[in-house]
Each structure stands twice: as structure tokens, then as C-alpha cells.
Amino acid sequence: MRDWAAKAATFVDSRSLSEPTVDSRWFAAFIREHESVLQATALRLCGNPTDARDLVQDTLERGLKNLSRYKPGTDGRAWLLTILHHIFIDRCRSRTRERRADVSAEDVEEKVAAPEPDAQPAWAAISPEQLREALDKIPEEFRLVYQLHSLEGRSYIEIAERLGIPKATVGTRLIRARRRLKELLMPTVTGGAEA
């Protein structure tokens, strides 16, 4: 960045500026004053030092080209940060357009016309016989609650009244029944899929 200040000084000396306060020494000091803030902001935005340096360089270049728009005595840091943010946003937009341009209309049309079939969930491969065998292996208090709720469609209240247990116990037993069934059935499903 230090060589930037020298280049800017030469550029400012070669221009005929109407403001007497804007000269090569002023602009070099202006850059040095705000360089660290610009670099830190660019690094935060870009995420890597190389892109950050490029962003700062482009910011200073654009600032130099538009120096006639800067009014001495106003907040120079804010002016440069505004330029930096605009350049960053422009780059993000152009990258987005480039990514979109990589996909052809035919590829998009093909994907929309023929979507890939979704894979079936593992539980869809469980047969009724496998479920019955697994139900026979879990304790009776869990099996009975599971059958009444899942197979017969009874509510927690109906099951609680029928079995003479609290409604909360129905929920707990149902959770435990499902957990035990999953332990028993899922190895069967994954093992069957691999074979």
C-alpha cells in the first residue's frame, strides 16, 4: 500500500484540482490514515488476505479517480468505506451471475422435467410379519400400549381408562415401545438392504 501513496501523489500532482487543500502530500497522508481500517474491513468481508488487498487497491483506485467528488473536511473514512462496500457488493453480484451462467437452460429444464425419485425411508421396508415378530419381543405393558394406540387408533385417555394407568404413563410406555421396536427392526432393515 505504501507504493500506492507514491502513485497517488504523482497522479494528484499531474491533475489540476480546484481545491487548494488537496495536493499530493495531502492525498498520501489521507491514504495512510485510512489504510488500516480499509484493510481490516476488506479482510472481514472477503475472508482471505489476497482478495482483501485487491479490494483495498480497487477502492483506492476508484477513490483517486473520483477525488474531485470528495469534499475536504468531510469524513474521508466513511467516503472510502462506502466505495469499498460498493465494490464488494458489485463483485458478489458478478460472481452470482457467473455461477448462474454456468448452468444451461437445457440442464435446468431436464432436472425440472425428470426429478430424481426420493429414496424410501428405512421403515418403509419393514414388513407386517417383521413388525409382529418385533412386537412379540417387547415387554407386554409396552406392547399393549403400542397396539392400542398405533394399531387400533385409541387416544391416550382411552388407553389410560382401559388399562387403569395415568395418561402420562401411557405416553412414557408408548415412547419406550417405539424405541425398543426401532432397536429391533432397524438392524433388520439395514442388514437387508446391504445383502
N, C-alpha and C. Protein backbone atom coordinates (compact mmCIF):
# COMPACT_ATOMS: atom_id res chain seq x y z
N MET A 1 0.80 -1.19 0.00
CA MET A 1 0.00 0.00 0.00
C MET A 1 0.85 1.26 0.00
N ARG A 2 2.04 1.18 0.52
CA ARG A 2 2.90 2.37 0.59
C ARG A 2 3.21 2.88 -0.81
N ASP A 3 3.41 1.97 -1.78
CA ASP A 3 3.67 2.41 -3.15
C ASP A 3 2.43 3.06 -3.74
N TRP A 4 1.27 2.72 -3.22
CA TRP A 4 0.04 3.33 -3.67
C TRP A 4 0.04 4.82 -3.36
N ALA A 5 0.53 5.16 -2.19
CA ALA A 5 0.57 6.58 -1.80
C ALA A 5 1.47 7.36 -2.75
N ALA A 6 2.61 6.76 -3.15
CA ALA A 6 3.51 7.44 -4.09
C ALA A 6 2.84 7.62 -5.46
N LYS A 7 2.16 6.56 -5.92
CA LYS A 7 1.45 6.65 -7.21
C LYS A 7 0.36 7.72 -7.15
N ALA A 8 -0.36 7.75 -6.05
CA ALA A 8 -1.44 8.71 -5.89
C ALA A 8 -0.88 10.13 -5.87
N ALA A 9 0.26 10.31 -5.21
CA ALA A 9 0.87 11.63 -5.14
C ALA A 9 1.23 12.12 -6.53
N THR A 10 1.80 11.24 -7.35
CA THR A 10 2.16 11.61 -8.72
C THR A 10 0.91 11.96 -9.51
N PHE A 11 -0.14 11.17 -9.33
CA PHE A 11 -1.39 11.40 -10.05
C PHE A 11 -2.01 12.73 -9.65
N VAL A 12 -2.03 13.00 -8.34
CA VAL A 12 -2.64 14.24 -7.87
C VAL A 12 -1.85 15.44 -8.35
N ASP A 13 -0.51 15.34 -8.36
CA ASP A 13 0.31 16.45 -8.85
C ASP A 13 0.04 16.75 -10.31
N SER A 14 -0.27 15.71 -11.08
CA SER A 14 -0.48 15.89 -12.51
C SER A 14 -1.86 16.45 -12.84
N ARG A 15 -2.76 16.43 -11.86
CA ARG A 15 -4.12 16.93 -12.09
C ARG A 15 -4.22 18.38 -11.67
N SER A 16 -5.15 19.07 -12.29
CA SER A 16 -5.40 20.45 -11.86
C SER A 16 -6.64 20.44 -10.98
N LEU A 17 -6.42 20.45 -9.68
CA LEU A 17 -7.54 20.42 -8.76
C LEU A 17 -7.88 21.83 -8.33
N SER A 18 -9.16 22.11 -8.21
CA SER A 18 -9.58 23.45 -7.85
C SER A 18 -9.40 23.72 -6.36
N GLU A 19 -9.48 22.65 -5.51
CA GLU A 19 -9.33 22.84 -4.08
C GLU A 19 -7.85 22.97 -3.74
N PRO A 20 -7.44 24.04 -3.10
CA PRO A 20 -6.04 24.22 -2.77
C PRO A 20 -5.56 23.27 -1.68
N THR A 21 -6.46 22.69 -0.89
CA THR A 21 -6.05 21.80 0.21
C THR A 21 -5.74 20.39 -0.27
N VAL A 22 -6.13 20.02 -1.47
CA VAL A 22 -5.92 18.68 -1.99
C VAL A 22 -4.66 18.69 -2.85
N ASP A 23 -3.57 18.17 -2.32
CA ASP A 23 -2.34 18.05 -3.09
C ASP A 23 -1.76 16.66 -2.84
N SER A 24 -0.61 16.39 -3.40
CA SER A 24 -0.03 15.05 -3.33
C SER A 24 0.27 14.64 -1.89
N ARG A 25 0.79 15.57 -1.09
CA ARG A 25 1.10 15.23 0.30
C ARG A 25 -0.18 14.93 1.06
N TRP A 26 -1.21 15.72 0.82
CA TRP A 26 -2.48 15.51 1.49
C TRP A 26 -3.06 14.13 1.15
N PHE A 27 -3.05 13.78 -0.14
CA PHE A 27 -3.66 12.52 -0.54
C PHE A 27 -2.85 11.33 -0.01
N ALA A 28 -1.54 11.41 -0.01
CA ALA A 28 -0.70 10.34 0.55
C ALA A 28 -1.00 10.17 2.03
N ALA A 29 -1.14 11.26 2.76
CA ALA A 29 -1.48 11.18 4.18
C ALA A 29 -2.89 10.64 4.37
N PHE A 30 -3.79 11.05 3.49
CA PHE A 30 -5.18 10.58 3.52
C PHE A 30 -5.23 9.06 3.39
N ILE A 31 -4.47 8.50 2.47
CA ILE A 31 -4.43 7.06 2.26
C ILE A 31 -3.83 6.37 3.48
N ARG A 32 -2.70 6.88 3.97
CA ARG A 32 -2.06 6.27 5.13
C ARG A 32 -2.97 6.29 6.35
N GLU A 33 -3.73 7.33 6.51
CA GLU A 33 -4.63 7.47 7.66
C GLU A 33 -5.73 6.40 7.66
N HIS A 34 -6.23 6.05 6.50
CA HIS A 34 -7.39 5.16 6.42
C HIS A 34 -7.05 3.75 5.93
N GLU A 35 -5.82 3.51 5.61
CA GLU A 35 -5.39 2.24 5.04
C GLU A 35 -5.69 1.05 5.97
N SER A 36 -5.38 1.16 7.24
CA SER A 36 -5.57 0.04 8.16
C SER A 36 -7.05 -0.29 8.34
N VAL A 37 -7.90 0.73 8.40
CA VAL A 37 -9.35 0.50 8.53
C VAL A 37 -9.89 -0.18 7.26
N LEU A 38 -9.42 0.29 6.12
CA LEU A 38 -9.87 -0.32 4.86
C LEU A 38 -9.42 -1.77 4.79
N GLN A 39 -8.17 -2.04 5.16
CA GLN A 39 -7.64 -3.40 5.10
C GLN A 39 -8.42 -4.33 6.05
N ALA A 40 -8.68 -3.87 7.27
CA ALA A 40 -9.42 -4.70 8.24
C ALA A 40 -10.84 -4.98 7.76
N THR A 41 -11.49 -3.97 7.22
CA THR A 41 -12.86 -4.15 6.73
C THR A 41 -12.87 -5.09 5.53
N ALA A 42 -11.93 -4.92 4.63
CA ALA A 42 -11.86 -5.77 3.45
C ALA A 42 -11.59 -7.22 3.85
N LEU A 43 -10.71 -7.42 4.81
CA LEU A 43 -10.41 -8.78 5.27
C LEU A 43 -11.63 -9.43 5.90
N ARG A 44 -12.38 -8.66 6.67
CA ARG A 44 -13.61 -9.18 7.28
C ARG A 44 -14.63 -9.56 6.21
N LEU A 45 -14.73 -8.75 5.17
CA LEU A 45 -15.71 -9.02 4.11
C LEU A 45 -15.28 -10.19 3.22
N CYS A 46 -14.01 -10.20 2.83
CA CYS A 46 -13.53 -11.18 1.85
C CYS A 46 -13.18 -12.53 2.48
N GLY A 47 -12.63 -12.49 3.67
CA GLY A 47 -12.27 -13.73 4.32
C GLY A 47 -10.86 -14.22 4.02
N ASN A 48 -10.17 -13.62 3.07
CA ASN A 48 -8.77 -14.01 2.82
C ASN A 48 -7.97 -12.78 2.43
N PRO A 49 -6.69 -12.77 2.80
CA PRO A 49 -5.86 -11.58 2.61
C PRO A 49 -5.67 -11.15 1.16
N THR A 50 -5.57 -12.10 0.26
CA THR A 50 -5.34 -11.75 -1.15
C THR A 50 -6.52 -10.95 -1.72
N ASP A 51 -7.72 -11.47 -1.52
CA ASP A 51 -8.90 -10.76 -2.01
C ASP A 51 -9.07 -9.42 -1.30
N ALA A 52 -8.71 -9.38 -0.02
CA ALA A 52 -8.82 -8.13 0.74
C ALA A 52 -7.88 -7.07 0.18
N ARG A 53 -6.64 -7.47 -0.15
CA ARG A 53 -5.70 -6.49 -0.73
C ARG A 53 -6.21 -5.98 -2.07
N ASP A 54 -6.75 -6.89 -2.88
CA ASP A 54 -7.30 -6.47 -4.17
C ASP A 54 -8.46 -5.49 -3.99
N LEU A 55 -9.29 -5.77 -3.01
CA LEU A 55 -10.44 -4.91 -2.75
C LEU A 55 -9.99 -3.52 -2.30
N VAL A 56 -9.00 -3.47 -1.43
CA VAL A 56 -8.48 -2.17 -0.97
C VAL A 56 -7.85 -1.42 -2.13
N GLN A 57 -7.08 -2.13 -2.94
CA GLN A 57 -6.43 -1.48 -4.10
C GLN A 57 -7.48 -0.89 -5.03
N ASP A 58 -8.53 -1.67 -5.33
CA ASP A 58 -9.59 -1.17 -6.20
C ASP A 58 -10.32 0.02 -5.56
N THR A 59 -10.46 -0.03 -4.25
CA THR A 59 -11.12 1.08 -3.54
C THR A 59 -10.30 2.36 -3.66
N LEU A 60 -8.99 2.24 -3.43
CA LEU A 60 -8.14 3.42 -3.53
C LEU A 60 -8.09 3.95 -4.95
N GLU A 61 -8.09 3.05 -5.92
CA GLU A 61 -8.07 3.46 -7.32
C GLU A 61 -9.35 4.22 -7.67
N ARG A 62 -10.47 3.68 -7.25
CA ARG A 62 -11.73 4.36 -7.55
C ARG A 62 -11.83 5.67 -6.79
N GLY A 63 -11.32 5.68 -5.56
CA GLY A 63 -11.31 6.92 -4.78
C GLY A 63 -10.48 7.99 -5.46
N LEU A 64 -9.34 7.57 -6.00
CA LEU A 64 -8.46 8.51 -6.69
C LEU A 64 -9.12 9.06 -7.95
N LYS A 65 -9.78 8.18 -8.71
CA LYS A 65 -10.47 8.62 -9.93
C LYS A 65 -11.59 9.59 -9.61
N ASN A 66 -12.23 9.41 -8.44
CA ASN A 66 -13.37 10.24 -8.07
C ASN A 66 -13.00 11.26 -6.99
N LEU A 67 -11.74 11.59 -6.91
CA LEU A 67 -11.28 12.51 -5.88
C LEU A 67 -11.93 13.88 -5.99
N SER A 68 -12.31 14.26 -7.18
CA SER A 68 -12.96 15.56 -7.35
C SER A 68 -14.32 15.59 -6.65
N ARG A 69 -14.91 14.43 -6.38
CA ARG A 69 -16.20 14.37 -5.70
C ARG A 69 -16.06 14.48 -4.19
N TYR A 70 -14.86 14.22 -3.69
CA TYR A 70 -14.64 14.31 -2.25
C TYR A 70 -14.53 15.76 -1.81
N LYS A 71 -15.23 16.07 -0.74
CA LYS A 71 -15.19 17.43 -0.21
C LYS A 71 -14.28 17.43 1.01
N PRO A 72 -13.11 18.11 0.93
CA PRO A 72 -12.21 18.16 2.07
C PRO A 72 -12.92 18.68 3.31
N GLY A 73 -12.60 18.06 4.43
CA GLY A 73 -13.24 18.43 5.68
C GLY A 73 -14.37 17.50 6.07
N THR A 74 -14.86 16.70 5.11
CA THR A 74 -15.89 15.71 5.44
C THR A 74 -15.21 14.42 5.88
N ASP A 75 -15.99 13.44 6.27
CA ASP A 75 -15.44 12.19 6.80
C ASP A 75 -14.86 11.33 5.67
N GLY A 76 -13.54 11.37 5.52
CA GLY A 76 -12.86 10.63 4.46
C GLY A 76 -12.95 9.13 4.65
N ARG A 77 -12.92 8.70 5.90
CA ARG A 77 -13.01 7.26 6.19
C ARG A 77 -14.35 6.72 5.70
N ALA A 78 -15.43 7.41 6.01
CA ALA A 78 -16.76 6.97 5.58
C ALA A 78 -16.85 6.96 4.06
N TRP A 79 -16.25 7.95 3.41
CA TRP A 79 -16.27 8.03 1.95
C TRP A 79 -15.57 6.82 1.35
N LEU A 80 -14.38 6.49 1.86
CA LEU A 80 -13.63 5.33 1.34
C LEU A 80 -14.33 4.01 1.67
N LEU A 81 -14.89 3.89 2.87
CA LEU A 81 -15.60 2.65 3.23
C LEU A 81 -16.84 2.45 2.37
N THR A 82 -17.50 3.53 2.01
CA THR A 82 -18.65 3.43 1.11
C THR A 82 -18.21 2.89 -0.25
N ILE A 83 -17.12 3.41 -0.75
CA ILE A 83 -16.58 2.92 -2.03
C ILE A 83 -16.23 1.44 -1.91
N LEU A 84 -15.55 1.08 -0.83
CA LEU A 84 -15.15 -0.31 -0.62
C LEU A 84 -16.37 -1.23 -0.59
N HIS A 85 -17.40 -0.85 0.14
CA HIS A 85 -18.61 -1.68 0.21
C HIS A 85 -19.29 -1.81 -1.15
N HIS A 86 -19.34 -0.74 -1.89
CA HIS A 86 -19.97 -0.80 -3.22
C HIS A 86 -19.20 -1.75 -4.15
N ILE A 87 -17.88 -1.67 -4.11
CA ILE A 87 -17.08 -2.57 -4.95
C ILE A 87 -17.29 -4.02 -4.52
N PHE A 88 -17.32 -4.25 -3.20
CA PHE A 88 -17.53 -5.61 -2.70
C PHE A 88 -18.88 -6.17 -3.15
N ILE A 89 -19.92 -5.37 -3.05
CA ILE A 89 -21.26 -5.80 -3.47
C ILE A 89 -21.28 -6.06 -4.97
N ASP A 90 -20.64 -5.21 -5.75
CA ASP A 90 -20.57 -5.44 -7.20
C ASP A 90 -19.90 -6.76 -7.52
N ARG A 91 -18.83 -7.08 -6.81
CA ARG A 91 -18.12 -8.35 -7.04
C ARG A 91 -19.00 -9.55 -6.68
N CYS A 92 -19.71 -9.44 -5.57
CA CYS A 92 -20.61 -10.53 -5.18
C CYS A 92 -21.69 -10.76 -6.23
N ARG A 93 -22.23 -9.69 -6.73
CA ARG A 93 -23.28 -9.81 -7.75
C ARG A 93 -22.73 -10.43 -9.03
N SER A 94 -21.54 -10.03 -9.43
CA SER A 94 -20.99 -10.59 -10.67
C SER A 94 -20.66 -12.07 -10.50
N ARG A 95 -20.21 -12.47 -9.32
CA ARG A 95 -19.94 -13.90 -9.08
C ARG A 95 -21.23 -14.71 -9.13
N THR A 96 -22.30 -14.15 -8.60
CA THR A 96 -23.59 -14.83 -8.65
C THR A 96 -24.05 -15.00 -10.09
N ARG A 97 -23.89 -13.95 -10.89
CA ARG A 97 -24.27 -14.05 -12.31
C ARG A 97 -23.42 -15.08 -13.04
N GLU A 98 -22.13 -15.14 -12.71
CA GLU A 98 -21.24 -16.12 -13.35
C GLU A 98 -21.67 -17.54 -13.03
N ARG A 99 -22.04 -17.77 -11.76
CA ARG A 99 -22.49 -19.12 -11.39
C ARG A 99 -23.76 -19.49 -12.13
N ARG A 100 -24.67 -18.54 -12.26
CA ARG A 100 -25.91 -18.81 -12.98
C ARG A 100 -25.63 -19.07 -14.46
N ALA A 101 -24.66 -18.39 -15.01
CA ALA A 101 -24.35 -18.55 -16.43
C ALA A 101 -23.75 -19.91 -16.72
N ASP A 102 -23.16 -20.57 -15.70
CA ASP A 102 -22.57 -21.89 -15.89
C ASP A 102 -23.63 -22.97 -16.13
N VAL A 103 -24.85 -22.74 -15.72
CA VAL A 103 -25.92 -23.73 -15.86
C VAL A 103 -26.73 -23.38 -17.11
N SER A 104 -26.82 -24.35 -18.00
CA SER A 104 -27.57 -24.09 -19.23
C SER A 104 -29.07 -24.26 -19.00
N ALA A 105 -29.84 -23.67 -19.87
CA ALA A 105 -31.30 -23.78 -19.78
C ALA A 105 -31.74 -25.22 -19.97
N GLU A 106 -31.02 -25.97 -20.81
CA GLU A 106 -31.38 -27.37 -21.03
C GLU A 106 -31.20 -28.20 -19.77
N ASP A 107 -30.11 -27.92 -19.01
CA ASP A 107 -29.87 -28.66 -17.77
C ASP A 107 -30.98 -28.40 -16.76
N VAL A 108 -31.37 -27.14 -16.65
CA VAL A 108 -32.43 -26.79 -15.71
C VAL A 108 -33.74 -27.44 -16.14
N GLU A 109 -34.03 -27.38 -17.42
CA GLU A 109 -35.27 -27.96 -17.95
C GLU A 109 -35.30 -29.47 -17.72
N GLU A 110 -34.17 -30.12 -17.91
CA GLU A 110 -34.08 -31.56 -17.73
C GLU A 110 -34.32 -31.95 -16.28
N LYS A 111 -33.73 -31.21 -15.34
CA LYS A 111 -33.91 -31.51 -13.92
C LYS A 111 -35.35 -31.30 -13.49
N VAL A 112 -35.98 -30.24 -14.00
CA VAL A 112 -37.36 -29.96 -13.62
C VAL A 112 -38.29 -31.00 -14.23
N ALA A 113 -38.03 -31.40 -15.47
CA ALA A 113 -38.90 -32.35 -16.16
C ALA A 113 -38.79 -33.75 -15.57
N ALA A 114 -37.61 -34.15 -15.13
CA ALA A 114 -37.41 -35.50 -14.61
C ALA A 114 -36.72 -35.46 -13.26
N PRO A 115 -37.46 -35.13 -12.20
CA PRO A 115 -36.83 -35.09 -10.88
C PRO A 115 -36.39 -36.48 -10.45
N GLU A 116 -35.34 -36.52 -9.67
CA GLU A 116 -34.84 -37.80 -9.17
C GLU A 116 -35.81 -38.33 -8.14
N PRO A 117 -36.09 -39.65 -8.20
CA PRO A 117 -37.01 -40.22 -7.21
C PRO A 117 -36.37 -40.16 -5.81
N ASP A 118 -37.20 -39.86 -4.83
CA ASP A 118 -36.72 -39.82 -3.45
C ASP A 118 -36.52 -41.25 -2.95
N ALA A 119 -35.47 -41.44 -2.21
CA ALA A 119 -35.22 -42.74 -1.61
C ALA A 119 -36.26 -43.00 -0.52
N GLN A 120 -36.71 -44.23 -0.42
CA GLN A 120 -37.70 -44.56 0.59
C GLN A 120 -37.05 -44.57 1.97
N PRO A 121 -37.79 -44.14 2.99
CA PRO A 121 -37.24 -44.21 4.33
C PRO A 121 -37.05 -45.67 4.75
N ALA A 122 -36.16 -45.89 5.69
CA ALA A 122 -35.81 -47.25 6.11
C ALA A 122 -37.02 -48.00 6.65
N TRP A 123 -37.91 -47.32 7.35
CA TRP A 123 -39.05 -48.00 7.94
C TRP A 123 -40.03 -48.52 6.88
N ALA A 124 -39.98 -47.97 5.67
CA ALA A 124 -40.90 -48.42 4.62
C ALA A 124 -40.61 -49.85 4.17
N ALA A 125 -39.41 -50.33 4.44
CA ALA A 125 -39.05 -51.70 4.03
C ALA A 125 -39.44 -52.75 5.07
N ILE A 126 -40.01 -52.33 6.19
CA ILE A 126 -40.40 -53.29 7.24
C ILE A 126 -41.73 -53.94 6.86
N SER A 127 -41.74 -55.24 6.89
CA SER A 127 -42.96 -55.99 6.55
C SER A 127 -43.85 -56.15 7.79
N PRO A 128 -45.15 -56.41 7.60
CA PRO A 128 -46.04 -56.64 8.75
C PRO A 128 -45.57 -57.83 9.61
N GLU A 129 -45.00 -58.85 8.96
CA GLU A 129 -44.52 -60.00 9.73
C GLU A 129 -43.35 -59.61 10.64
N GLN A 130 -42.43 -58.77 10.11
CA GLN A 130 -41.30 -58.31 10.92
C GLN A 130 -41.79 -57.49 12.11
N LEU A 131 -42.82 -56.67 11.90
CA LEU A 131 -43.38 -55.87 12.98
C LEU A 131 -44.00 -56.76 14.05
N ARG A 132 -44.76 -57.78 13.63
CA ARG A 132 -45.37 -58.70 14.60
C ARG A 132 -44.31 -59.43 15.41
N GLU A 133 -43.25 -59.90 14.75
CA GLU A 133 -42.16 -60.60 15.46
C GLU A 133 -41.49 -59.67 16.48
N ALA A 134 -41.27 -58.44 16.09
CA ALA A 134 -40.64 -57.49 16.99
C ALA A 134 -41.56 -57.15 18.16
N LEU A 135 -42.86 -57.02 17.91
CA LEU A 135 -43.82 -56.75 18.98
C LEU A 135 -43.82 -57.87 20.01
N ASP A 136 -43.68 -59.11 19.55
CA ASP A 136 -43.66 -60.26 20.47
C ASP A 136 -42.43 -60.22 21.37
N LYS A 137 -41.39 -59.51 20.99
CA LYS A 137 -40.14 -59.48 21.76
C LYS A 137 -40.09 -58.37 22.81
N ILE A 138 -41.04 -57.42 22.77
CA ILE A 138 -41.00 -56.35 23.76
C ILE A 138 -41.92 -56.69 24.93
N PRO A 139 -41.65 -56.12 26.13
CA PRO A 139 -42.49 -56.42 27.30
C PRO A 139 -43.97 -56.11 27.05
N GLU A 140 -44.84 -56.87 27.72
CA GLU A 140 -46.28 -56.80 27.46
C GLU A 140 -46.87 -55.43 27.72
N GLU A 141 -46.44 -54.71 28.81
CA GLU A 141 -47.03 -53.40 29.11
C GLU A 141 -46.74 -52.39 28.00
N PHE A 142 -45.58 -52.53 27.35
CA PHE A 142 -45.25 -51.64 26.23
C PHE A 142 -45.98 -52.08 24.97
N ARG A 143 -46.03 -53.39 24.74
CA ARG A 143 -46.69 -53.94 23.55
C ARG A 143 -48.17 -53.58 23.54
N LEU A 144 -48.83 -53.71 24.68
CA LEU A 144 -50.26 -53.45 24.76
C LEU A 144 -50.57 -51.98 24.47
N VAL A 145 -49.79 -51.07 25.05
CA VAL A 145 -50.00 -49.64 24.80
C VAL A 145 -49.75 -49.32 23.33
N TYR A 146 -48.70 -49.90 22.76
CA TYR A 146 -48.38 -49.65 21.34
C TYR A 146 -49.51 -50.15 20.44
N GLN A 147 -49.99 -51.35 20.70
CA GLN A 147 -51.06 -51.92 19.86
C GLN A 147 -52.34 -51.09 19.95
N LEU A 148 -52.72 -50.69 21.18
CA LEU A 148 -53.93 -49.90 21.35
C LEU A 148 -53.83 -48.54 20.65
N HIS A 149 -52.66 -47.92 20.74
CA HIS A 149 -52.51 -46.58 20.15
C HIS A 149 -52.24 -46.64 18.64
N SER A 150 -51.22 -47.38 18.24
CA SER A 150 -50.78 -47.35 16.85
C SER A 150 -51.60 -48.23 15.92
N LEU A 151 -52.03 -49.36 16.40
CA LEU A 151 -52.75 -50.28 15.53
C LEU A 151 -54.26 -50.10 15.60
N GLU A 152 -54.79 -49.78 16.81
CA GLU A 152 -56.24 -49.60 16.96
C GLU A 152 -56.66 -48.14 16.93
N GLY A 153 -55.70 -47.24 17.03
CA GLY A 153 -56.01 -45.81 16.93
C GLY A 153 -56.66 -45.22 18.16
N ARG A 154 -56.47 -45.79 19.32
CA ARG A 154 -57.08 -45.28 20.55
C ARG A 154 -56.29 -44.07 21.09
N SER A 155 -57.00 -43.19 21.77
CA SER A 155 -56.36 -42.00 22.35
C SER A 155 -55.68 -42.36 23.66
N TYR A 156 -54.84 -41.47 24.15
CA TYR A 156 -54.15 -41.68 25.42
C TYR A 156 -55.17 -41.85 26.56
N ILE A 157 -56.23 -41.06 26.53
CA ILE A 157 -57.24 -41.12 27.59
C ILE A 157 -57.95 -42.48 27.57
N GLU A 158 -58.33 -42.96 26.39
CA GLU A 158 -58.99 -44.26 26.28
C GLU A 158 -58.08 -45.38 26.78
N ILE A 159 -56.82 -45.32 26.41
CA ILE A 159 -55.88 -46.35 26.83
C ILE A 159 -55.69 -46.29 28.35
N ALA A 160 -55.57 -45.08 28.90
CA ALA A 160 -55.39 -44.93 30.35
C ALA A 160 -56.58 -45.50 31.11
N GLU A 161 -57.81 -45.21 30.65
CA GLU A 161 -59.01 -45.74 31.31
C GLU A 161 -59.09 -47.25 31.19
N ARG A 162 -58.78 -47.77 30.02
CA ARG A 162 -58.86 -49.22 29.78
C ARG A 162 -57.85 -49.99 30.62
N LEU A 163 -56.62 -49.47 30.74
CA LEU A 163 -55.57 -50.18 31.47
C LEU A 163 -55.50 -49.75 32.94
N GLY A 164 -56.21 -48.68 33.31
CA GLY A 164 -56.20 -48.22 34.69
C GLY A 164 -54.85 -47.60 35.09
N ILE A 165 -54.24 -46.88 34.16
CA ILE A 165 -52.97 -46.22 34.44
C ILE A 165 -53.09 -44.73 34.11
N PRO A 166 -52.21 -43.88 34.65
CA PRO A 166 -52.28 -42.45 34.32
C PRO A 166 -51.96 -42.19 32.83
N LYS A 167 -52.51 -41.10 32.34
CA LYS A 167 -52.30 -40.71 30.93
C LYS A 167 -50.82 -40.52 30.63
N ALA A 168 -50.06 -39.93 31.56
CA ALA A 168 -48.62 -39.70 31.36
C ALA A 168 -47.87 -41.03 31.21
N THR A 169 -48.33 -42.04 31.93
CA THR A 169 -47.70 -43.36 31.83
C THR A 169 -47.93 -43.97 30.44
N VAL A 170 -49.09 -43.70 29.87
CA VAL A 170 -49.38 -44.17 28.52
C VAL A 170 -48.34 -43.60 27.56
N GLY A 171 -48.09 -42.30 27.65
CA GLY A 171 -47.10 -41.65 26.78
C GLY A 171 -45.71 -42.22 26.97
N THR A 172 -45.32 -42.42 28.23
CA THR A 172 -43.99 -42.96 28.51
C THR A 172 -43.84 -44.37 27.95
N ARG A 173 -44.85 -45.20 28.16
CA ARG A 173 -44.78 -46.58 27.65
C ARG A 173 -44.76 -46.62 26.13
N LEU A 174 -45.49 -45.71 25.51
CA LEU A 174 -45.52 -45.64 24.05
C LEU A 174 -44.14 -45.26 23.51
N ILE A 175 -43.50 -44.29 24.15
CA ILE A 175 -42.15 -43.88 23.74
C ILE A 175 -41.18 -45.05 23.87
N ARG A 176 -41.26 -45.74 25.01
CA ARG A 176 -40.35 -46.88 25.24
C ARG A 176 -40.61 -48.02 24.26
N ALA A 177 -41.88 -48.23 23.93
CA ALA A 177 -42.22 -49.28 22.95
C ALA A 177 -41.64 -48.94 21.59
N ARG A 178 -41.80 -47.70 21.17
CA ARG A 178 -41.27 -47.28 19.86
C ARG A 178 -39.74 -47.39 19.83
N ARG A 179 -39.11 -46.97 20.91
CA ARG A 179 -37.64 -47.03 20.97
C ARG A 179 -37.16 -48.48 20.86
N ARG A 180 -37.82 -49.38 21.59
CA ARG A 180 -37.43 -50.80 21.56
C ARG A 180 -37.70 -51.42 20.18
N LEU A 181 -38.81 -51.05 19.57
CA LEU A 181 -39.12 -51.55 18.22
C LEU A 181 -38.09 -51.06 17.21
N LYS A 182 -37.67 -49.83 17.36
CA LYS A 182 -36.65 -49.30 16.45
C LYS A 182 -35.35 -50.08 16.60
N GLU A 183 -34.97 -50.36 17.85
CA GLU A 183 -33.75 -51.14 18.09
C GLU A 183 -33.84 -52.53 17.45
N LEU A 184 -35.02 -53.12 17.52
CA LEU A 184 -35.19 -54.46 16.97
C LEU A 184 -35.31 -54.48 15.45
N LEU A 185 -35.96 -53.48 14.89
CA LEU A 185 -36.27 -53.51 13.46
C LEU A 185 -35.22 -52.84 12.57
N MET A 186 -34.56 -51.83 13.03
CA MET A 186 -33.64 -51.13 12.16
C MET A 186 -32.42 -51.96 11.75
N PRO A 187 -31.84 -52.79 12.61
CA PRO A 187 -30.76 -53.64 12.11
C PRO A 187 -31.23 -54.57 11.00
N THR A 188 -32.49 -55.02 11.07
CA THR A 188 -33.05 -55.88 10.04
C THR A 188 -33.14 -55.13 8.71
N VAL A 189 -33.58 -53.89 8.76
CA VAL A 189 -33.74 -53.10 7.54
C VAL A 189 -32.39 -52.82 6.91
N THR A 190 -31.41 -52.34 7.69
CA THR A 190 -30.11 -52.02 7.13
C THR A 190 -29.39 -53.27 6.69
N GLY A 191 -29.54 -54.35 7.42
CA GLY A 191 -28.90 -55.61 7.03
C GLY A 191 -29.50 -56.16 5.75
N GLY A 192 -30.83 -56.01 5.61
CA GLY A 192 -31.49 -56.50 4.41
C GLY A 192 -31.14 -55.66 3.19
N ALA A 193 -30.91 -54.39 3.39
CA ALA A 193 -30.58 -53.51 2.28
C ALA A 193 -29.18 -53.79 1.76
N GLU A 194 -28.25 -54.20 2.65
CA GLU A 194 -26.89 -54.46 2.25
C GLU A 194 -26.74 -55.81 1.56
N ALA A 195 -27.60 -56.74 1.90
CA ALA A 195 -27.45 -58.10 1.37
C ALA A 195 -27.85 -58.18 -0.07
